[in-house]
């Protein structure tokens, strides 16, 4: 800092000696401002170099320590940019560690002021379409600059809305070298890979329009200048603000209800309310259809607990706009209903005849209403999908999370599974807000047809600071959330601290929001717990769990299944996670045995594991229950040594999903379906 201060003082003194006339004062101020920006950028790059150096150093040193001392529960999660750009190695560019973003944050932006080669003058970015919908393909074409400039020095950026005046508030940006790397992966032969950027599925951007701008990155003695070389005409997003997106169903506390949640843009300040229209027929005849009005919420960067989640800059926080939820009630059991959602004028909310086509509605979807508690469909036993740890790697690209989503959709369509249970580590947004919309896109192929019941994991909630009573949506009063000395509860949510998941989802309201709750469907009582919160005797969650278990009439609802993100039992050699599992067993395993819980489902470990039956106090057939881990929905698989344990029946590190079928009051079947083959790889029957 002393060197920088001295350097700045000397430069400013030199400029003062050179510029003595009053007419030159303005130039002096401009020079000083540029010098200050240069020093800031230089200081930033110095700090960045130091950080990278220490990172490499500690990485090398860390490799010298034993496995027991290593940090073992973090994976290399890919956090894609909004447009899923790739680097020259073919890997997704990390939205939270993006060199182009960081440079543009500290750059000076100018309209074109440097002379251009003649053939580049007057250029304009061209689009294959100027009116699109979400998920349409868009192709951006530009002139070849490689004869005059390095591909690393030409930056293509997208701005939404197109009227954005702050050049640093782009939605995504990539160098032409990165654009070419992305095109190489797409392997498109119908367009020029040197002068085009193909966006296979235009992402959800809740704005009216977007615009592309081409910048030239120019290093000067005062820092980086970004000169505007070209821009496109705006591309209109059809009903981009009012189109319902992220639509998903969920159960409520009551068996004759279904909840639907969705999001829109900010409605341009109009006084509108969310509505669902539903009927047993597809024509929504007003004599037989119903409609209900819901509620709207949102969250801001200030609601989040820390960085990077609360940083209002590209690749990090972006507003979710408006989040809506509406209930459909008085449903007949086990009956197909059709529905659509949208926004209507507040003054017309009670008059169904005024819900004209002038409003922007979703497509028409359908679902089958829940079975009544204690009942079963003998012709079609209740079945549903279970898993954890999914994430999304890239828009429009095939990956393991997408394959699981497609297989789940197939189960819903062809085999009529009735729900999907996802117990934690949903999107892996980790502070990159646009990933939530990308993940909802991934699951929307089935979340519009069956309830998507979720639990929270470490990547939705865990944080070390910035929380407390008035920010933590779960009500924990300490700023760092639940963080016992023996645990490995770190900052895995990257500052989100459960806010986005608690605002985007509404689960049955009989516990603590999305964190813990329970509900009945048919012959099953499902309890969702939070392994990221205190479960010790006397804790708020423990007391709730004990009361809930005691309230279940097992002659009426025979099966009790618990779902939580962290497992009690696992055989991977991950000491820190094993300590957490040990404490979970000490805290409430006895309670589960007392109330004869049948099945304990979890994720967190990115593998599939099944214990022996009747497991209690590390002994099989000991009056306990079966433990199954299904952290296999698409996140990077585990690759850890395995421990020999007498209570382990099956283990495989392979992507796939679990499927539960409630045959009747005395027989339950669990199957693990591998995504590589689409076939059952492991199965077991639980019988009473």
Foldseek 3Di string as FASTA:
>chain_A
DVVLVVVLVVVLVVVCVVDPDPVCVVVSVVVSVLQVLLSVVVVVVVVVVVVVVVVVVVVVVLVPDDLQPHDPLDDPFAAAALLQWAALVLAGDHLQDHPVLVQLVSAAEDEADDDDPPVLPPWAWDWPAQEEAFFAKIKIFGDQCVVPDDQQFKKKFKQPPQPDPDPQATQDMDGLNRQLSRCVVVPDPVDDSNTMRMRRGNFQDQGQWMKMWMWGWDQDPSGTYTYTRYIYDIRGHVQSAWAWALWFKADAQDQFKIKIKTAGAQVVPAQKWKKKKKFLDDVSDVVTIDMWTWDKDWDALLLWQAPPQSPNGHQFHDTSHIMIMTMDGPHDAFGKMKMKMTIDHPVCRVPPVPPDPVTHIYDIAMETGFAHFLAADLVQFAKEWEFEAAADNRPPDDALLLLQLVLRLCCCVPVVHAEYEYEENQHLNLRRVSSVSVSSVSNVSPRRYHHYQYEYDLLQAFAQARDAQVRQLQRDGDGRADDDPLAPRYHNVRRRRNVVVQNNDAHHPPARTRAWDWHGGHQEIEIEHELSHDCAPPDRRVVSVLVVLVPDDCVRRVAYEYEHAQELDDFFPNNSSVSSSVVVLVGPQVVQLVSQHAEYEYESAQWWWKWAACDHPLDHPVSGYIYIYRNASGTDHDDGDGHDGPGTDDIDGAHWIKMWGPNDSFKIKIFTAGSVVRHTPDIDMGGD
